[in-house]
Protein backbone atom coordinates (compact mmCIF):
# COMPACT_ATOMS: atom_id res chain seq x y z
CA MET A 1 -226.41 99.95 -11.98
CA ASP A 2 -228.24 101.25 -8.90
CA TYR A 3 -225.87 104.22 -8.88
CA VAL A 4 -226.92 105.26 -12.40
CA LYS A 5 -230.62 104.89 -11.55
CA THR A 6 -230.14 106.99 -8.42
CA ILE A 7 -228.45 109.77 -10.40
CA ILE A 8 -231.19 109.72 -13.04
CA LEU A 9 -233.90 109.88 -10.36
CA LEU A 10 -232.13 112.81 -8.69
CA ILE A 11 -231.87 114.68 -11.97
CA LEU A 12 -235.51 114.05 -12.82
CA GLY A 13 -236.63 114.94 -9.30
CA LEU A 14 -234.59 118.14 -9.12
CA TRP A 15 -235.24 119.30 -12.69
CA PRO A 16 -238.32 121.42 -11.79
CA VAL A 17 -236.43 123.02 -8.89
CA ILE A 18 -233.43 123.85 -11.06
CA MET A 19 -235.52 125.16 -13.93
CA PHE A 20 -237.94 127.28 -11.91
CA SER A 21 -235.76 128.55 -9.05
CA GLN A 22 -234.45 131.55 -10.90
CA VAL A 23 -234.31 134.99 -9.32
CA ALA A 24 -237.69 136.69 -9.32
CA PRO A 25 -238.17 139.22 -12.12
CA PHE A 26 -238.65 142.93 -11.56
CA THR A 27 -242.22 144.06 -10.93
CA THR A 28 -242.93 147.08 -13.13
CA LEU A 29 -244.73 149.95 -11.40
CA ALA A 30 -244.02 153.13 -13.38
CA VAL A 31 -242.48 154.19 -16.67
CA GLN A 32 -238.73 154.23 -17.11
CA CYS A 33 -237.32 157.44 -18.56
CA ASN A 34 -234.79 155.65 -20.72
CA GLU A 35 -235.49 152.02 -21.56
CA ASN A 36 -231.91 151.45 -22.72
CA ILE A 37 -229.91 152.70 -19.72
CA VAL A 38 -230.38 152.14 -16.00
CA PHE A 39 -227.45 153.25 -13.88
CA SER A 40 -226.14 151.38 -10.85
CA ARG A 41 -224.15 154.38 -9.59
CA VAL A 42 -224.69 158.02 -10.40
CA GLU A 43 -223.30 161.32 -9.19
CA GLN A 44 -226.44 162.01 -7.16
CA MET A 45 -228.07 158.80 -5.98
CA PRO A 46 -231.83 158.78 -5.33
CA MET A 47 -232.59 159.69 -1.75
CA ILE A 48 -235.61 159.13 0.45
CA GLU A 49 -237.15 162.50 1.24
CA GLY A 50 -236.82 163.04 4.97
CA GLY A 51 -234.02 160.50 5.21
CA ILE A 52 -233.61 156.89 6.21
CA GLN A 53 -234.12 157.61 9.92
CA LYS A 54 -237.54 159.15 9.25
CA LEU A 55 -238.58 156.10 7.21
CA GLU A 56 -237.29 153.75 9.90
CA SER A 57 -239.20 155.65 12.58
CA ALA A 58 -242.41 155.69 10.49
CA LEU A 59 -242.18 151.96 9.76
CA ASN A 60 -241.74 151.17 13.46
CA GLN A 61 -244.75 153.36 14.36
CA LYS A 62 -247.11 152.25 11.56
CA ILE A 63 -246.29 148.57 11.03
CA LYS A 64 -247.08 145.91 13.58
CA LEU A 65 -245.01 142.81 12.91
CA LYS A 66 -246.00 139.31 13.90
CA LYS A 67 -243.90 137.75 16.61
CA THR A 68 -241.48 135.20 15.25
CA LYS A 69 -239.24 132.62 16.81
CA HIS A 70 -236.19 134.29 15.25
CA LYS A 71 -234.55 137.31 16.86
CA THR A 72 -233.40 138.73 13.53
CA ALA A 73 -234.74 138.68 10.00
CA CYS A 74 -233.58 140.29 6.77
CA LEU A 75 -235.52 141.92 3.96
CA SER A 76 -233.86 143.39 0.89
CA TYR A 77 -235.36 145.13 -2.13
CA LYS A 78 -233.77 146.46 -5.29
CA PHE A 79 -235.78 149.40 -6.61
CA MET A 80 -235.43 151.16 -9.92
CA ILE A 81 -236.04 154.85 -9.28
CA ASN A 82 -236.90 156.72 -12.47
CA CYS A 83 -235.94 160.27 -13.46
CA SER A 84 -239.14 161.58 -11.85
CA GLY A 85 -238.31 160.08 -8.47
CA GLN A 86 -240.87 157.27 -8.75
CA ILE A 87 -240.34 153.57 -8.15
CA ALA A 88 -240.35 152.26 -11.72
CA SER A 89 -239.83 148.64 -10.72
CA LEU A 90 -238.78 146.52 -7.80
CA LYS A 91 -237.31 143.14 -7.09
CA GLU A 92 -237.25 141.26 -3.83
CA ILE A 93 -233.71 140.07 -3.19
CA ALA A 94 -234.09 138.52 0.26
CA ASN A 95 -237.09 137.89 2.49
CA GLN A 96 -236.98 136.24 5.90
CA LEU A 97 -240.09 138.05 7.14
CA GLY A 98 -242.75 136.22 5.20
CA GLU A 99 -246.11 138.04 5.04
CA ASP A 100 -244.86 141.04 7.06
CA SER A 101 -242.68 142.04 4.12
CA ASN A 102 -245.85 142.94 2.19
CA LYS A 103 -246.82 145.48 4.86
CA ILE A 104 -243.40 147.12 4.69
CA LEU A 105 -243.34 147.18 0.91
CA LEU A 106 -246.86 148.61 0.70
CA TYR A 107 -245.92 151.38 3.12
CA ILE A 108 -242.78 152.23 1.12
CA ARG A 109 -244.63 152.23 -2.21
CA SER A 110 -247.49 154.36 -0.87
CA ASN A 111 -245.75 156.84 1.40
CA VAL A 112 -242.10 157.28 0.48
CA LYS A 113 -241.08 160.06 -1.87
CA TRP A 114 -237.73 159.88 -3.64
CA SER A 115 -235.46 162.55 -5.04
CA PRO A 116 -234.67 161.72 -8.67
CA PRO A 117 -231.21 160.34 -9.41
CA LYS A 118 -228.94 162.60 -11.46
CA HIS A 119 -225.91 161.94 -13.60
CA GLN A 120 -223.98 164.71 -15.33
CA HIS A 121 -226.73 167.16 -14.29
CA HIS A 122 -229.49 165.09 -15.97
CA ALA A 123 -232.22 163.11 -14.24
CA VAL A 124 -231.77 159.40 -15.02
CA ASP A 125 -233.07 155.96 -14.04
CA CYS A 126 -231.05 154.30 -11.30
CA TYR A 127 -231.11 151.17 -9.12
CA TYR A 128 -231.31 151.56 -5.35
CA THR A 129 -231.03 148.71 -2.85
CA LEU A 130 -232.76 149.00 0.49
CA ASP A 131 -231.73 146.55 3.21
CA ILE A 132 -234.06 146.19 6.17
CA MET A 133 -233.38 144.16 9.30
CA VAL A 134 -235.87 143.25 11.98
CA ILE A 135 -234.06 142.82 15.30
CA ASP A 136 -236.16 141.78 18.28
CA GLY A 137 -239.29 143.11 16.56
CA LYS A 138 -237.77 146.52 15.70
CA ILE A 139 -237.23 147.58 12.07
CA VAL A 140 -233.72 148.83 11.29
CA ILE A 141 -232.70 150.11 7.86
CA HIS A 142 -229.10 149.80 6.66
């Protein structure tokens, strides 16, 4: 009998966690060009103007990270880049940086320009995942 009560208590105690621990929804920032189709892969993927190395260098120069007890931390975002080269929406996939992730995201949203994704010679909406590591206080983009 105690076994059944324990199971019921676990279910009741974990119910809010199970129900509300879904993946965070996309945050909408700009208009999609086509609300019905968003590509995962296209012939010409969106690219950061100036390249990844330029963004990595700028982030390391402009953003001062708090010291943490961990040597490495991961941050991953999934952006939807629209046919105009704007971030239409974003979703945080992983965050081990805490508050510092907001500084990085704000810099990317405010300063990074994207080339529009193209498929069959037409500008389209496309997902783009950006993985950022912080290793010994230095930002590294993969």
